[in-house]
Amino acid sequence: MDFKDYYQLLGVSEDSDSKDIKTAYRKLARKYHPDMNPDPGAEDKFKEVAEAYEVLKDAGRRAEYDELRQHGNRQGAGFEPPPNWQRSGGFSDADSTRFEGDFSDFFNSMFRGGATEADQQPKGSRGQDAEIEMPIFLEETVTETSKLVEYQIPVYENGQVKDVKKSLKVKIPAGTVDGERVRLKGQGGYGQGDGPHGDLYLHIRLVPHPLFDVEGHNLVITVPLAPWEAALGAKVTVPTLTGKIHLTIAPNSQAGTRLRIKGKGMKTKTGTGDMFALLKIVVPSSANDEVKALWQSLAEKAEFDPRAQWSNE
C-alpha cells in the first residue's frame, strides 16, 4: 500500500493554516467536481482531494496524520502503518470497529480500528456492529440516492480472526443531513452459533462543495459582481442544487448583502431550507489605458468617499 501525502494532494505546505487548506481544496474541488468536469477520472481525483481535506481540516486528525506521515516518509512506497497503531491511540475514534466508505485503502487502514484476539466472541453471541463513514455530495441529498457500499467485517474461524469484504447497495433517503446515523439491520458481523448478525451503521458526512457553504438546512453561495453591476443593478445567473435561476441585483447593492432565495436550500424530512446569495464586488485584475481613464473620470465625477465616516470619529 502506497503512502498518501495529503499536503501534496492539496498543493499546500505542512505549516499551512486552515484557511489556506480550505482555499486550496475549493480551487481543486471546482476543477474536478463531477458537475463541472465531465472528463474520465475527474470524480476519482475529486474524491482524492476530498479525502485529503477531510483529514487536514480537522485538528485532531491532522495531528495524528502528521505523526504517521513521519513514519510513512521513512518507509517509502511500501508503506505499512506501525504495529498496533489504532490500539495505541491512532485514528480510530470509536469504541467499536470503525470502517470508512468511498475513500481509499490508505484512508481505511489509518482510520479504523483492527480486530484483535480480545475482540473474539464466544459461540452463540451476536455479531459485531460495523460503522461506515459515508461521504455524499450535496446534490445527492435532493432525491433518494442508491450507493454501493464496500466494507469489511471480522469473521471468527477456529479461534482466528480474518476480515471478509462485503458489499451491498443502500438507499440514502432524500433530506439526509450531515452527521445523520443510518442503521441497516443485520448487515454487520456474522453471529456465532445461533446468535444474530450485527448491524451496519452509516455515518453521513457531506463532502464540502466548491460553491455552497452549509448553514443548518440553508445554503450560502458567494455571488461575484462587477462594480458596475452592483452600482447599476443586474440580472445574474446563479446555480442551485436543482438547476440555475436568474437573480435580480438591485442598483447600489453593497458588498456583504445577503439575498434570500426561498426554498433553494437543503431538503429536509419536513421541508426545504433557503439559499442565501452573498454579494461580493470584484474589481478586474487588469485594465488598459482606456479603461483606466474611465475609472479616473468616474472617481472625479462621483465625488464619493467610502471613508467619510472616519472624519466624524
Protein backbone atom coordinates (compact mmCIF):
# COMPACT_ATOMS: atom_id res chain seq x y z
CA MET A 1 0.00 0.00 0.00
CA ASP A 2 1.39 3.41 -1.00
CA PHE A 3 1.54 6.24 1.48
CA LYS A 4 -0.70 9.22 0.62
CA ASP A 5 0.71 12.68 1.16
CA TYR A 6 -2.42 14.77 1.73
CA TYR A 7 -0.46 18.01 1.77
CA GLN A 8 0.91 17.24 -1.68
CA LEU A 9 -2.55 16.30 -2.97
CA LEU A 10 -3.88 19.72 -1.98
CA GLY A 11 -0.71 21.54 -3.03
CA VAL A 12 -0.13 23.10 0.41
CA SER A 13 2.78 23.07 2.85
CA GLU A 14 2.65 21.22 6.15
CA ASP A 15 2.55 24.51 8.08
CA SER A 16 -0.44 25.88 6.13
CA ASP A 17 -3.30 27.16 8.26
CA SER A 18 -6.92 26.01 7.98
CA LYS A 19 -7.87 28.95 5.73
CA ASP A 20 -5.14 28.11 3.20
CA ILE A 21 -6.15 24.46 3.25
CA LYS A 22 -9.81 25.32 2.61
CA THR A 23 -8.88 27.70 -0.20
CA ALA A 24 -6.70 25.06 -1.87
CA TYR A 25 -9.44 22.44 -1.52
CA ARG A 26 -12.09 24.67 -3.06
CA LYS A 27 -9.87 25.51 -6.01
CA LEU A 28 -9.26 21.83 -6.74
CA ALA A 29 -12.88 20.90 -6.00
CA ARG A 30 -14.12 23.38 -8.60
CA LYS A 31 -11.66 21.88 -11.08
CA TYR A 32 -12.58 18.23 -10.53
CA HIS A 33 -16.19 18.25 -9.24
CA PRO A 34 -18.24 15.82 -11.41
CA ASP A 35 -20.81 18.54 -12.17
CA MET A 36 -18.10 20.81 -13.55
CA ASN A 37 -15.67 18.38 -15.15
CA PRO A 38 -17.01 15.59 -17.39
CA ASP A 39 -13.56 14.15 -18.09
CA PRO A 40 -12.98 10.49 -17.16
CA GLY A 41 -11.13 10.26 -13.87
CA ALA A 42 -12.29 13.68 -12.63
CA GLU A 43 -14.58 12.16 -9.99
CA ASP A 44 -11.78 9.93 -8.67
CA LYS A 45 -9.50 12.96 -8.45
CA PHE A 46 -12.25 14.87 -6.65
CA LYS A 47 -12.58 12.07 -4.11
CA GLU A 48 -8.82 12.18 -3.55
CA VAL A 49 -8.80 15.87 -2.71
CA ALA A 50 -11.98 15.49 -0.62
CA GLU A 51 -10.26 12.72 1.34
CA ALA A 52 -7.22 14.93 1.92
CA TYR A 53 -9.41 17.82 3.08
CA GLU A 54 -11.43 15.52 5.35
CA VAL A 55 -8.23 14.76 7.26
CA LEU A 56 -6.42 18.10 7.20
CA LYS A 57 -9.44 20.28 8.09
CA ASP A 58 -9.77 18.52 11.47
CA ALA A 59 -7.11 19.50 14.01
CA GLY A 60 -7.17 16.12 15.79
CA ARG A 61 -6.98 14.02 12.65
CA ARG A 62 -4.34 16.29 11.18
CA ALA A 63 -2.10 15.94 14.25
CA GLU A 64 -2.40 12.15 14.14
CA TYR A 65 -1.78 12.12 10.40
CA ASP A 66 1.33 14.29 10.83
CA GLU A 67 2.68 11.76 13.31
CA LEU A 68 2.02 8.90 10.91
CA ARG A 69 3.40 10.91 7.98
CA GLN A 70 6.84 10.86 9.56
CA HIS A 71 6.66 7.07 9.66
CA GLY A 72 5.37 6.97 6.07
CA ASN A 73 8.23 9.09 4.77
CA ARG A 74 10.73 6.73 6.32
CA GLN A 75 9.01 3.65 4.91
CA GLY A 76 8.71 4.92 1.34
CA ALA A 77 6.30 3.45 -1.19
CA GLY A 78 5.89 0.11 0.55
CA PHE A 79 4.05 1.72 3.44
CA GLU A 80 2.53 -0.17 6.33
CA PRO A 81 1.20 1.54 9.48
CA PRO A 82 3.13 0.99 12.70
CA PRO A 83 2.09 -2.14 14.62
CA ASN A 84 -0.98 -1.66 16.83
CA TRP A 85 -1.39 1.89 15.53
CA GLN A 86 -5.14 2.06 16.15
CA ARG A 87 -4.90 0.43 19.58
CA SER A 88 -2.25 2.90 20.70
CA GLY A 89 -4.39 5.96 20.18
CA GLY A 90 -4.24 6.32 16.41
CA PHE A 91 -7.04 7.26 14.08
CA SER A 92 -9.78 5.03 15.49
CA ASP A 93 -12.25 7.38 17.20
CA ALA A 94 -14.99 4.97 18.17
CA ASP A 95 -15.21 2.24 20.79
CA SER A 96 -16.38 -0.28 18.22
CA THR A 97 -14.59 -1.17 14.99
CA ARG A 98 -14.90 1.75 12.58
CA PHE A 99 -14.90 1.43 8.82
CA GLU A 100 -14.84 4.02 6.07
CA GLY A 101 -16.76 4.03 2.79
CA ASP A 102 -15.84 5.53 -0.61
CA PHE A 103 -12.33 6.57 0.47
CA SER A 104 -9.02 4.89 -0.34
CA ASP A 105 -7.49 1.77 1.22
CA PHE A 106 -4.87 4.01 2.80
CA PHE A 107 -7.58 6.11 4.49
CA ASN A 108 -9.45 3.00 5.59
CA SER A 109 -6.37 1.41 7.13
CA MET A 110 -5.47 4.58 9.03
CA PHE A 111 -8.92 5.50 10.27
CA ARG A 112 -10.30 2.22 11.50
CA GLY A 113 -9.56 0.06 14.47
CA GLY A 114 -8.42 -3.51 13.88
CA ALA A 115 -9.86 -6.64 15.43
CA THR A 116 -7.68 -8.44 17.98
CA GLU A 117 -7.99 -11.64 19.93
CA ALA A 118 -9.63 -9.64 22.69
CA ASP A 119 -12.49 -8.94 20.26
CA GLN A 120 -13.23 -12.62 19.69
CA GLN A 121 -16.73 -13.66 20.61
CA PRO A 122 -17.95 -16.89 22.21
CA LYS A 123 -20.26 -19.21 20.34
CA GLY A 124 -23.90 -18.15 20.32
CA SER A 125 -23.06 -14.44 20.58
CA ARG A 126 -24.35 -11.56 18.50
CA GLY A 127 -22.24 -10.40 15.57
CA GLN A 128 -20.14 -7.25 15.81
CA ASP A 129 -21.62 -4.00 14.55
CA ALA A 130 -19.86 -2.20 11.70
CA GLU A 131 -19.76 1.57 11.26
CA ILE A 132 -19.07 3.32 7.97
CA GLU A 133 -18.36 6.99 7.47
CA MET A 134 -20.26 7.64 4.25
CA PRO A 135 -19.27 10.71 2.18
CA ILE A 136 -22.08 12.04 -0.04
CA PHE A 137 -22.38 15.06 -2.32
CA LEU A 138 -24.87 17.83 -1.58
CA GLU A 139 -26.59 17.04 -4.88
CA GLU A 140 -27.25 13.51 -3.63
CA THR A 141 -29.43 14.80 -0.76
CA VAL A 142 -32.06 16.25 -3.11
CA THR A 143 -33.59 12.90 -4.06
CA GLU A 144 -33.28 9.34 -2.81
CA THR A 145 -29.89 8.01 -3.86
CA SER A 146 -28.60 4.45 -4.23
CA LYS A 147 -24.91 3.94 -3.42
CA LEU A 148 -22.69 0.88 -3.45
CA VAL A 149 -21.10 0.31 -0.05
CA GLU A 150 -17.99 -1.82 0.35
CA TYR A 151 -16.65 -2.63 3.81
CA GLN A 152 -15.06 -5.38 5.86
CA ILE A 153 -16.40 -7.42 8.74
CA PRO A 154 -14.44 -9.69 11.10
CA VAL A 155 -15.13 -13.41 10.81
CA TYR A 156 -14.07 -15.82 13.57
CA GLU A 157 -12.95 -19.28 12.49
CA ASN A 158 -11.21 -21.76 14.75
CA GLY A 159 -10.20 -19.05 17.18
CA GLN A 160 -8.71 -16.91 14.43
CA VAL A 161 -9.96 -13.57 13.15
CA LYS A 162 -9.96 -12.60 9.48
CA ASP A 163 -11.56 -9.72 7.60
CA VAL A 164 -14.07 -10.52 4.88
CA LYS A 165 -15.08 -7.95 2.28
CA LYS A 166 -18.76 -7.27 1.89
CA SER A 167 -20.69 -5.03 -0.48
CA LEU A 168 -24.31 -4.02 -0.81
CA LYS A 169 -26.40 -1.32 -2.41
CA VAL A 170 -28.04 1.02 0.08
CA LYS A 171 -30.62 3.74 -0.35
CA ILE A 172 -29.79 7.15 1.10
CA PRO A 173 -33.12 8.92 1.78
CA ALA A 174 -33.74 12.39 0.38
CA GLY A 175 -33.16 15.03 3.04
CA THR A 176 -30.32 13.15 4.73
CA VAL A 177 -28.18 15.62 6.68
CA ASP A 178 -24.56 15.77 7.76
CA GLY A 179 -23.90 13.70 10.88
CA GLU A 180 -27.01 11.56 10.47
CA ARG A 181 -26.69 7.91 11.52
CA VAL A 182 -28.49 5.36 9.34
CA ARG A 183 -28.95 1.81 10.66
CA LEU A 184 -29.02 -1.24 8.38
CA LYS A 185 -30.16 -4.16 10.48
CA GLY A 186 -28.29 -7.44 10.16
CA GLN A 187 -25.62 -6.15 7.77
CA GLY A 188 -22.76 -6.18 10.29
CA GLY A 189 -20.58 -9.02 11.54
CA TYR A 190 -21.81 -12.61 11.46
CA GLY A 191 -23.27 -14.00 14.66
CA GLN A 192 -21.74 -17.05 16.32
CA GLY A 193 -23.86 -20.20 16.55
CA ASP A 194 -27.48 -19.09 16.77
CA GLY A 195 -26.55 -15.50 17.52
CA PRO A 196 -27.94 -12.75 15.26
CA HIS A 197 -25.84 -10.74 12.86
CA GLY A 198 -24.66 -7.32 13.96
CA ASP A 199 -25.90 -4.13 12.35
CA LEU A 200 -24.28 -1.72 9.91
CA TYR A 201 -24.36 1.99 10.77
CA LEU A 202 -23.79 4.65 8.14
CA HIS A 203 -22.43 7.95 9.46
CA ILE A 204 -23.34 10.53 6.83
CA ARG A 205 -20.67 13.12 6.02
CA LEU A 206 -21.40 15.81 3.42
CA VAL A 207 -18.46 16.39 1.11
CA PRO A 208 -17.61 20.13 1.16
CA HIS A 209 -18.96 21.74 -2.01
CA PRO A 210 -16.82 24.06 -4.16
CA LEU A 211 -19.62 26.66 -4.38
CA PHE A 212 -22.01 26.23 -1.45
CA ASP A 213 -21.50 26.61 2.29
CA VAL A 214 -23.97 24.82 4.56
CA GLU A 215 -25.65 26.62 7.48
CA GLY A 216 -28.07 24.19 9.08
CA HIS A 217 -30.65 23.48 6.36
CA ASN A 218 -29.71 26.62 4.43
CA LEU A 219 -27.10 27.12 1.73
CA VAL A 220 -24.89 30.16 1.15
CA ILE A 221 -23.33 30.94 -2.22
CA THR A 222 -20.96 33.84 -2.83
CA VAL A 223 -22.02 35.79 -5.94
CA PRO A 224 -19.20 37.84 -7.52
CA LEU A 225 -20.34 41.16 -9.05
CA ALA A 226 -18.53 43.68 -11.21
CA PRO A 227 -18.58 47.18 -9.70
CA TRP A 228 -20.97 48.43 -12.40
CA GLU A 229 -23.36 45.52 -11.77
CA ALA A 230 -23.52 46.47 -8.09
CA ALA A 231 -23.97 50.17 -8.93
CA LEU A 232 -26.46 49.89 -11.79
CA GLY A 233 -28.22 46.65 -10.92
CA ALA A 234 -28.20 43.48 -12.97
CA LYS A 235 -29.72 40.08 -13.59
CA VAL A 236 -27.23 37.27 -12.96
CA THR A 237 -27.48 33.51 -13.38
CA VAL A 238 -26.90 31.64 -10.11
CA PRO A 239 -26.51 27.84 -9.70
CA THR A 240 -28.59 25.90 -7.18
CA LEU A 241 -28.70 22.20 -6.27
CA THR A 242 -31.60 21.68 -8.70
CA GLY A 243 -30.61 23.94 -11.60
CA LYS A 244 -29.88 27.56 -12.45
CA ILE A 245 -32.00 30.58 -11.55
CA HIS A 246 -31.96 34.26 -12.51
CA LEU A 247 -31.31 36.61 -9.59
CA THR A 248 -32.11 40.32 -9.69
CA ILE A 249 -29.45 42.59 -8.20
CA ALA A 250 -30.85 45.95 -7.11
CA PRO A 251 -29.00 49.18 -8.03
CA ASN A 252 -26.49 50.41 -5.43
CA SER A 253 -26.14 46.96 -3.85
CA GLN A 254 -23.46 46.71 -1.19
CA ALA A 255 -20.81 44.02 -0.74
CA GLY A 256 -21.76 41.64 2.06
CA THR A 257 -25.51 41.87 1.38
CA ARG A 258 -27.30 38.52 1.70
CA LEU A 259 -30.25 37.93 -0.62
CA ARG A 260 -32.67 35.20 0.42
CA ILE A 261 -33.82 32.72 -2.23
CA LYS A 262 -36.66 30.79 -0.66
CA GLY A 263 -36.85 27.01 -0.99
CA LYS A 264 -33.48 26.52 -2.72
CA GLY A 265 -31.57 25.22 0.30
CA MET A 266 -31.12 21.73 1.75
CA LYS A 267 -34.02 19.32 1.53
CA THR A 268 -35.16 18.06 4.96
CA LYS A 269 -37.62 15.46 6.17
CA THR A 270 -40.20 18.21 6.73
CA GLY A 271 -39.44 20.73 4.00
CA THR A 272 -36.66 22.62 2.26
CA GLY A 273 -34.31 25.28 3.56
CA ASP A 274 -33.42 28.52 1.83
CA MET A 275 -30.39 29.68 -0.14
CA PHE A 276 -28.65 32.98 0.54
CA ALA A 277 -26.70 34.84 -2.12
CA LEU A 278 -23.78 36.69 -0.52
CA LEU A 279 -22.78 39.60 -2.73
CA LYS A 280 -19.08 40.18 -3.35
CA ILE A 281 -17.78 43.05 -5.51
CA VAL A 282 -14.83 42.03 -7.68
CA VAL A 283 -12.59 44.53 -9.48
CA PRO A 284 -10.97 43.46 -12.79
CA SER A 285 -7.42 42.28 -12.20
CA SER A 286 -6.09 44.35 -15.11
CA ALA A 287 -7.17 47.28 -17.30
CA ASN A 288 -5.93 49.03 -20.43
CA ASP A 289 -5.34 52.76 -20.67
CA GLU A 290 -8.85 53.50 -21.92
CA VAL A 291 -10.48 51.64 -19.05
CA LYS A 292 -8.16 53.33 -16.55
CA ALA A 293 -9.20 56.71 -17.94
CA LEU A 294 -12.86 55.79 -17.44
CA TRP A 295 -12.18 54.77 -13.85
CA GLN A 296 -10.39 58.09 -13.30
CA SER A 297 -13.28 60.02 -14.78
CA LEU A 298 -15.74 58.15 -12.57
CA ALA A 299 -13.65 58.86 -9.48
CA GLU A 300 -13.67 62.59 -10.25
CA LYS A 301 -17.36 62.85 -11.10
CA ALA A 302 -18.77 60.57 -8.41
CA GLU A 303 -17.41 62.67 -5.52
CA PHE A 304 -17.72 59.60 -3.32
CA ASP A 305 -15.61 58.99 -0.23
CA PRO A 306 -16.16 55.50 1.22
CA ARG A 307 -14.29 56.53 4.38
CA ALA A 308 -16.13 59.77 5.04
CA GLN A 309 -17.45 58.49 8.36
CA TRP A 310 -13.88 58.28 9.69
CA SER A 311 -13.62 62.08 9.72
CA ASN A 312 -16.54 62.25 12.13
CA GLU A 313 -14.95 59.95 14.71
